[in-house]
Amino acid sequence: ASCMELFRAYVDGGVPAGVVNLVFGVPHEVSEYLIPHPVIRKISFTGSTVVGKHLAALAGAHMKRVTMELGGHAPAIVFDDADIKSAVSILAANKFRNAGQVCVAPTRFLVQDGVYNEFLTQFVETVRAIKVGPGIDPESKMGALVSQRRIDAMEGFVADAAQRGATIETGGKRIGNEGFFFEPTVLTNVPKDARILNEEPFGPLAPVARFSSYEEVVTEANRLPYGLAAYAYTRSAKTAAALSQDVESGMLSINHHGLSLPEVPFGGLKDSGYGSEGGLEAIEAYLNTKFVTQAKV
């Protein structure tokens, strides 16, 4: 419905017919028809890594260029010297916007030993205060998940973590039986083999873990095959510079959330895809570079 309203806005705004098209159908049938078609010369896809790999392979068979913005599992690193109040405020807002259904949402919260308890106490308190409800309610701070399937997924992640010994600090359950609302959830003591620390949850779940050293946290940040976004909080310019070199992600935001801007590159590494959906890089992906040389006659 949201997509349909967006296209209605295009029409109302005067975009000529045929410039932008909305196609309904069975996904694999649509892609298997459109991608090989000679009219199609560039594919840009936002979605899961599994589907992205399939579409990239199909495009490659026909030498079509692609931009792939795929799944993520963003680490959010909080060092001992961070401004904890600011980190808590920004990370809570960033994590639970759109009920966590954002590809660049922070997913693994990694907090250094010296500030772990302080961060956790403030973070849990902030999360508990989030009012969940319909988006039309001006008091709502977090809305619903997109479907029952996502509710089932959240319950599965929480149950798996709990069975492996995790502690539910707050949340962990569906809210009522009407609508697809789920409590903003904070988990601790989550073992590394838990599903939530290895699969993209795409929902309002925040596992918080502690770390001791820089080397330890960088290893954890780079452990997964994803590399879309990463976040860090530190007052040290030296640490920030080191992270910019060592963290394997297409985007890194330090001490704020400044990723989704139209004028800057937006894309990932590894299984999170390649290419950019923002900045000059995005525009250049739709252009052809041609070298022309001419001798004077």
Protein backbone atom coordinates (compact mmCIF):
# COMPACT_ATOMS: atom_id res chain seq x y z
CA ALA A 1 0.00 0.00 0.00
CA SER A 2 2.84 2.43 0.81
CA CYS A 3 4.45 1.77 -2.56
CA MET A 4 1.16 2.36 -4.35
CA GLU A 5 0.70 5.70 -2.61
CA LEU A 6 4.24 6.69 -3.58
CA PHE A 7 3.44 6.02 -7.23
CA ARG A 8 0.20 7.95 -6.88
CA ALA A 9 2.33 10.89 -5.69
CA TYR A 10 4.54 10.52 -8.78
CA VAL A 11 1.48 10.73 -11.03
CA ASP A 12 0.02 13.64 -9.10
CA GLY A 13 3.39 15.39 -9.31
CA GLY A 14 3.37 15.20 -13.09
CA VAL A 15 5.90 12.45 -13.78
CA PRO A 16 5.21 11.38 -17.40
CA ALA A 17 3.53 8.03 -17.93
CA GLY A 18 5.98 5.17 -18.42
CA VAL A 19 8.95 6.88 -16.77
CA VAL A 20 8.32 5.06 -13.48
CA ASN A 21 6.40 1.79 -13.42
CA LEU A 22 4.96 -0.35 -10.63
CA VAL A 23 4.77 -4.04 -11.50
CA PHE A 24 2.80 -6.67 -9.59
CA GLY A 25 3.41 -10.39 -9.94
CA VAL A 26 5.17 -13.50 -8.69
CA PRO A 27 8.70 -12.26 -7.85
CA HIS A 28 10.72 -14.92 -9.66
CA GLU A 29 8.51 -14.70 -12.74
CA VAL A 30 8.88 -10.92 -12.89
CA SER A 31 12.67 -10.99 -12.46
CA GLU A 32 13.21 -13.87 -14.88
CA TYR A 33 11.29 -11.94 -17.53
CA LEU A 34 12.57 -8.42 -16.94
CA ILE A 35 16.28 -8.97 -16.25
CA PRO A 36 17.09 -10.76 -19.55
CA HIS A 37 14.92 -8.34 -21.55
CA PRO A 38 17.01 -6.16 -23.90
CA VAL A 39 15.21 -2.99 -22.76
CA ILE A 40 16.58 -3.47 -19.22
CA ARG A 41 20.20 -2.32 -18.96
CA LYS A 42 20.73 -1.81 -15.22
CA ILE A 43 19.33 -3.55 -12.12
CA SER A 44 19.26 -2.01 -8.65
CA PHE A 45 17.98 -4.25 -5.87
CA THR A 46 17.38 -3.73 -2.16
CA GLY A 47 16.56 -6.87 -0.20
CA SER A 48 17.93 -10.07 1.23
CA THR A 49 21.36 -11.49 0.47
CA VAL A 50 19.86 -14.75 -0.79
CA VAL A 51 17.65 -13.03 -3.35
CA GLY A 52 20.38 -10.55 -4.25
CA LYS A 53 22.82 -13.32 -5.14
CA HIS A 54 20.19 -14.96 -7.34
CA LEU A 55 19.42 -11.72 -9.18
CA ALA A 56 23.11 -10.85 -9.58
CA ALA A 57 23.77 -14.27 -11.12
CA LEU A 58 20.84 -13.83 -13.49
CA ALA A 59 22.04 -10.36 -14.45
CA GLY A 60 25.60 -11.63 -14.93
CA ALA A 61 24.41 -14.23 -17.40
CA HIS A 62 23.18 -11.35 -19.57
CA MET A 63 26.03 -8.92 -18.82
CA LYS A 64 23.71 -6.48 -17.04
CA ARG A 65 25.28 -4.16 -14.48
CA VAL A 66 23.81 -4.28 -10.98
CA THR A 67 23.69 -2.42 -7.69
CA MET A 68 23.03 -4.69 -4.71
CA GLU A 69 22.05 -3.25 -1.32
CA LEU A 70 21.54 -6.39 0.74
CA GLY A 71 21.32 -7.60 4.33
CA GLY A 72 23.30 -6.30 7.26
CA HIS A 73 24.19 -7.07 10.87
CA ALA A 74 25.62 -3.77 12.05
CA PRO A 75 27.91 -3.70 15.08
CA ALA A 76 27.49 -0.73 17.44
CA ILE A 77 30.68 -0.29 19.47
CA VAL A 78 30.72 1.78 22.67
CA PHE A 79 34.17 2.45 24.12
CA ASP A 80 35.01 3.39 27.71
CA ASP A 81 35.62 7.01 26.74
CA ALA A 82 32.27 7.46 24.97
CA ASP A 83 29.59 9.98 25.91
CA ILE A 84 27.24 7.34 27.32
CA LYS A 85 24.14 9.51 27.53
CA SER A 86 24.51 10.51 23.89
CA ALA A 87 25.28 6.94 22.77
CA VAL A 88 22.22 5.56 24.55
CA SER A 89 19.92 8.21 23.10
CA ILE A 90 21.15 7.84 19.52
CA LEU A 91 21.37 4.05 19.51
CA ALA A 92 17.92 3.56 21.03
CA ALA A 93 16.35 5.87 18.45
CA ASN A 94 18.35 4.30 15.63
CA LYS A 95 17.66 0.71 16.66
CA PHE A 96 13.91 0.97 17.18
CA ARG A 97 12.92 3.31 14.36
CA ASN A 98 10.53 1.52 12.05
CA ALA A 99 10.50 -1.27 14.67
CA GLY A 100 14.05 -2.22 13.72
CA GLN A 101 13.03 -3.00 10.14
CA VAL A 102 15.90 -1.04 8.62
CA CYS A 103 18.88 -2.58 6.83
CA VAL A 104 21.39 -0.35 8.63
CA ALA A 105 19.84 -0.70 12.09
CA PRO A 106 22.44 -1.42 14.80
CA THR A 107 22.19 -5.11 15.64
CA ARG A 108 25.13 -6.19 17.82
CA PHE A 109 25.68 -3.80 20.72
CA LEU A 110 29.29 -4.18 21.89
CA VAL A 111 30.13 -2.23 25.04
CA GLN A 112 33.55 -1.98 26.72
CA ASP A 113 33.89 -3.33 30.26
CA GLY A 114 34.39 0.02 31.98
CA VAL A 115 31.03 1.46 30.92
CA TYR A 116 29.03 -1.72 30.33
CA ASN A 117 26.84 -1.49 33.44
CA GLU A 118 26.24 2.23 33.03
CA PHE A 119 25.31 1.83 29.37
CA LEU A 120 23.07 -1.17 29.98
CA THR A 121 21.16 0.49 32.82
CA GLN A 122 20.47 3.63 30.81
CA PHE A 123 19.74 1.73 27.60
CA VAL A 124 17.20 -0.61 29.20
CA GLU A 125 15.52 2.32 30.94
CA THR A 126 15.27 4.20 27.63
CA VAL A 127 13.93 1.18 25.76
CA ARG A 128 11.29 0.47 28.40
CA ALA A 129 9.98 4.01 27.94
CA ILE A 130 9.33 3.56 24.20
CA LYS A 131 5.58 3.74 23.57
CA VAL A 132 4.49 1.20 20.98
CA GLY A 133 1.34 1.81 18.97
CA PRO A 134 -0.22 2.68 15.61
CA GLY A 135 1.65 5.22 13.54
CA ILE A 136 -1.40 7.50 13.41
CA ASP A 137 -1.19 7.93 17.19
CA PRO A 138 1.05 10.98 17.82
CA GLU A 139 2.15 9.42 21.12
CA SER A 140 3.56 6.31 19.42
CA LYS A 141 7.33 6.07 19.24
CA MET A 142 7.49 2.63 17.58
CA GLY A 143 5.01 1.01 15.25
CA ALA A 144 4.22 -2.48 14.06
CA LEU A 145 6.15 -5.16 12.25
CA VAL A 146 5.16 -5.75 8.66
CA SER A 147 3.45 -9.14 9.04
CA GLN A 148 2.71 -12.15 11.21
CA ARG A 149 5.75 -13.80 9.68
CA ARG A 150 7.97 -11.17 11.29
CA ILE A 151 6.26 -11.68 14.66
CA ASP A 152 7.01 -15.39 14.35
CA ALA A 153 10.62 -14.57 13.48
CA MET A 154 11.07 -12.33 16.53
CA GLU A 155 9.59 -14.97 18.83
CA GLY A 156 11.94 -17.51 17.27
CA PHE A 157 15.03 -15.34 17.82
CA VAL A 158 14.10 -14.64 21.45
CA ALA A 159 13.24 -18.27 22.23
CA ASP A 160 16.48 -19.51 20.68
CA ALA A 161 18.58 -17.01 22.66
CA ALA A 162 16.75 -17.76 25.92
CA GLN A 163 17.18 -21.51 25.46
CA ARG A 164 20.92 -20.94 25.07
CA GLY A 165 21.12 -19.01 28.35
CA ALA A 166 20.46 -15.39 27.35
CA THR A 167 18.82 -12.95 29.75
CA ILE A 168 15.80 -10.93 28.63
CA GLU A 169 16.37 -7.51 30.22
CA THR A 170 13.14 -6.07 28.84
CA GLY A 171 10.53 -6.99 26.24
CA GLY A 172 10.63 -10.31 24.43
CA LYS A 173 6.93 -10.75 23.68
CA ARG A 174 4.21 -9.83 21.24
CA ILE A 175 1.89 -7.03 22.35
CA GLY A 176 -1.76 -8.11 22.26
CA ASN A 177 -3.40 -10.00 19.41
CA GLU A 178 -4.39 -7.11 17.14
CA GLY A 179 -1.80 -5.80 14.75
CA PHE A 180 1.79 -6.99 14.52
CA PHE A 181 3.25 -5.22 17.54
CA PHE A 182 6.27 -6.58 19.39
CA GLU A 183 7.91 -5.26 22.54
CA PRO A 184 11.22 -3.41 22.15
CA THR A 185 13.62 -6.04 23.45
CA VAL A 186 17.05 -6.00 25.07
CA LEU A 187 19.00 -9.24 25.58
CA THR A 188 22.24 -9.91 27.45
CA ASN A 189 24.47 -12.95 27.97
CA VAL A 190 23.70 -14.10 24.45
CA PRO A 191 26.12 -16.83 23.28
CA LYS A 192 27.78 -16.32 19.92
CA ASP A 193 26.10 -19.36 18.40
CA ALA A 194 22.63 -17.90 19.00
CA ARG A 195 20.72 -17.16 15.82
CA ILE A 196 20.32 -13.47 16.63
CA LEU A 197 24.10 -13.00 16.60
CA ASN A 198 24.45 -14.66 13.21
CA GLU A 199 21.29 -13.89 11.23
CA GLU A 200 19.83 -10.48 10.43
CA PRO A 201 16.88 -10.11 12.85
CA PHE A 202 15.27 -7.14 11.07
CA GLY A 203 13.18 -6.27 14.09
CA PRO A 204 13.18 -4.61 17.55
CA LEU A 205 15.75 -6.88 19.21
CA ALA A 206 18.97 -5.52 20.73
CA PRO A 207 21.56 -8.01 22.05
CA VAL A 208 24.13 -6.28 24.27
CA ALA A 209 27.56 -7.82 24.92
CA ARG A 210 30.74 -6.63 26.59
CA PHE A 211 34.32 -6.51 25.32
CA SER A 212 37.72 -5.72 26.82
CA SER A 213 40.14 -4.71 24.07
CA TYR A 214 40.16 -2.93 20.72
CA GLU A 215 41.46 -6.05 18.96
CA GLU A 216 38.70 -8.18 20.47
CA VAL A 217 35.87 -5.90 19.37
CA VAL A 218 37.20 -5.43 15.83
CA THR A 219 37.41 -9.21 15.46
CA GLU A 220 33.79 -9.51 16.57
CA ALA A 221 32.65 -6.63 14.37
CA ASN A 222 34.16 -8.36 11.32
CA ARG A 223 33.14 -11.91 12.28
CA LEU A 224 30.07 -12.18 10.06
CA PRO A 225 29.90 -12.18 6.25
CA TYR A 226 27.89 -8.94 6.33
CA GLY A 227 29.46 -5.52 5.89
CA LEU A 228 26.80 -2.86 5.38
CA ALA A 229 26.87 -0.41 8.31
CA ALA A 230 28.76 -0.02 11.58
CA TYR A 231 28.60 2.43 14.47
CA ALA A 232 31.09 3.52 17.11
CA TYR A 233 31.16 5.87 20.07
CA THR A 234 34.48 7.23 21.34
CA ARG A 235 36.13 10.54 22.19
CA SER A 236 39.46 9.32 20.81
CA ALA A 237 40.45 10.58 17.37
CA LYS A 238 43.08 7.82 17.24
CA THR A 239 40.48 5.11 17.89
CA ALA A 240 38.10 6.61 15.33
CA ALA A 241 40.83 6.68 12.68
CA ALA A 242 41.80 3.07 13.42
CA LEU A 243 38.19 1.92 13.16
CA SER A 244 37.80 3.59 9.78
CA GLN A 245 40.60 1.34 8.51
CA ASP A 246 39.87 -1.86 10.42
CA VAL A 247 36.07 -2.29 10.42
CA GLU A 248 34.84 -4.11 7.31
CA SER A 249 31.74 -2.14 6.34
CA GLY A 250 30.65 0.08 3.52
CA MET A 251 29.56 2.75 6.00
CA LEU A 252 30.79 3.74 9.46
CA SER A 253 29.10 6.35 11.64
CA ILE A 254 31.06 7.62 14.66
CA ASN A 255 29.31 9.41 17.53
CA HIS A 256 26.14 10.07 15.55
CA HIS A 257 23.84 8.57 12.93
CA GLY A 258 24.71 10.14 9.62
CA LEU A 259 24.41 7.44 6.97
CA SER A 260 21.18 7.91 5.03
CA LEU A 261 21.90 11.16 3.22
CA PRO A 262 21.21 11.52 -0.52
CA GLU A 263 24.55 13.16 -1.25
CA VAL A 264 26.75 10.40 0.21
CA PRO A 265 27.50 6.81 -0.87
CA PHE A 266 25.18 4.17 0.57
CA GLY A 267 26.22 0.56 0.15
CA GLY A 268 28.00 -2.41 1.65
CA LEU A 269 30.81 -4.93 1.40
CA LYS A 270 30.98 -8.73 1.45
CA ASP A 271 27.53 -10.36 1.54
CA SER A 272 25.90 -6.96 2.01
CA GLY A 273 26.31 -6.27 -1.69
CA TYR A 274 28.17 -3.80 -3.88
CA GLY A 275 27.58 -0.49 -5.56
CA SER A 276 25.93 2.57 -4.08
CA GLU A 277 22.38 3.84 -3.76
CA GLY A 278 23.49 7.38 -2.89
CA GLY A 279 25.94 10.07 -3.88
CA LEU A 280 27.69 10.55 -7.20
CA GLU A 281 28.59 6.86 -7.14
CA ALA A 282 24.91 5.96 -7.55
CA ILE A 283 24.48 8.26 -10.54
CA GLU A 284 27.68 7.06 -12.20
CA ALA A 285 26.40 3.47 -12.08
CA TYR A 286 23.74 4.48 -14.61
CA LEU A 287 26.21 6.14 -16.97
CA ASN A 288 28.63 4.82 -19.58
CA THR A 289 32.20 6.07 -19.70
CA LYS A 290 33.47 6.56 -23.22
CA PHE A 291 36.97 7.56 -24.28
CA VAL A 292 37.13 9.41 -27.60
CA THR A 293 40.39 10.38 -29.29
CA GLN A 294 40.67 12.30 -32.53
CA ALA A 295 43.71 13.22 -34.55
CA LYS A 296 43.91 16.58 -36.22
CA VAL A 297 43.49 16.27 -40.00
